[in-house]
């Protein structure tokens, strides 16, 4: 059984951030957000991390809702 691939992306000024991750590896993605936001040389900041984390949570919530409706 193959694991579904997910993608989150954001455009910020002249930068484009694209994060691809395997379903079930959301905690690794969050760790990547923290690492990037902590890096003073990165254009990715804590607000960016919060926005993408929120988007990921919203997607997860919609998926749980659709599974609950099927039961």
Protein backbone atom coordinates (compact mmCIF):
# COMPACT_ATOMS: atom_id res chain seq x y z
CA UNK A 1 0.00 0.00 0.00
CA UNK A 2 1.48 3.34 -1.02
CA UNK A 3 1.49 6.34 1.29
CA UNK A 4 -0.28 9.44 0.00
CA UNK A 5 1.94 12.41 -0.71
CA UNK A 6 0.84 15.84 0.49
CA UNK A 7 1.96 19.33 -0.42
CA UNK A 8 1.76 22.71 1.28
CA UNK A 9 3.04 25.82 -0.43
CA UNK A 10 3.29 29.53 0.21
CA UNK A 11 4.50 32.50 -1.80
CA UNK A 12 6.09 35.28 0.21
CA UNK A 13 7.49 38.16 -1.76
CA UNK A 14 10.01 36.74 -4.21
CA UNK A 15 10.22 33.45 -2.31
CA UNK A 16 8.17 30.33 -2.88
CA UNK A 17 8.13 27.70 -0.15
CA UNK A 18 6.96 24.23 -1.15
CA UNK A 19 6.77 21.43 1.38
CA UNK A 20 6.08 17.88 0.25
CA UNK A 21 5.52 15.22 2.87
CA UNK A 22 4.09 11.75 3.25
CA UNK A 23 0.75 11.27 4.94
CA UNK A 24 1.42 10.50 8.60
CA UNK A 25 4.67 12.53 8.67
CA UNK A 26 3.06 15.80 9.73
CA UNK A 27 5.19 16.01 12.87
CA UNK A 28 8.34 15.94 10.71
CA UNK A 29 6.92 18.79 8.65
CA UNK A 30 6.22 20.81 11.79
CA UNK A 31 9.81 20.22 12.89
CA UNK A 32 10.95 21.57 9.51
CA UNK A 33 8.85 24.70 10.04
CA UNK A 34 10.51 25.22 13.43
CA UNK A 35 13.99 24.73 11.99
CA UNK A 36 13.38 27.20 9.17
CA UNK A 37 11.73 29.81 11.40
CA UNK A 38 14.61 29.52 13.90
CA UNK A 39 17.22 30.14 11.20
CA UNK A 40 18.09 33.85 11.16
CA UNK A 41 19.24 33.53 7.55
CA UNK A 42 15.90 32.21 6.37
CA UNK A 43 13.11 34.35 4.95
CA UNK A 44 10.65 31.91 6.55
CA UNK A 45 9.49 33.29 9.90
CA UNK A 46 7.26 32.24 12.80
CA UNK A 47 4.15 33.76 11.22
CA UNK A 48 4.78 31.67 8.09
CA UNK A 49 5.15 28.57 10.27
CA UNK A 50 1.89 29.40 12.05
CA UNK A 51 -0.01 29.97 8.80
CA UNK A 52 1.15 26.70 7.23
CA UNK A 53 0.56 24.77 10.46
CA UNK A 54 -2.98 26.15 10.54
CA UNK A 55 -3.56 25.15 6.91
CA UNK A 56 -2.33 21.64 7.66
CA UNK A 57 -4.66 21.43 10.66
CA UNK A 58 -7.62 22.62 8.60
CA UNK A 59 -6.95 19.94 5.98
CA UNK A 60 -6.70 17.28 8.66
CA UNK A 61 -9.96 18.49 10.23
CA UNK A 62 -11.82 18.33 6.91
CA UNK A 63 -10.55 14.79 6.32
CA UNK A 64 -11.65 13.65 9.78
CA UNK A 65 -15.04 15.25 9.24
CA UNK A 66 -15.54 13.41 5.94
CA UNK A 67 -14.54 10.08 7.53
CA UNK A 68 -16.96 10.67 10.41
CA UNK A 69 -19.79 11.34 7.94
CA UNK A 70 -19.15 8.03 6.20
CA UNK A 71 -19.60 6.04 9.40
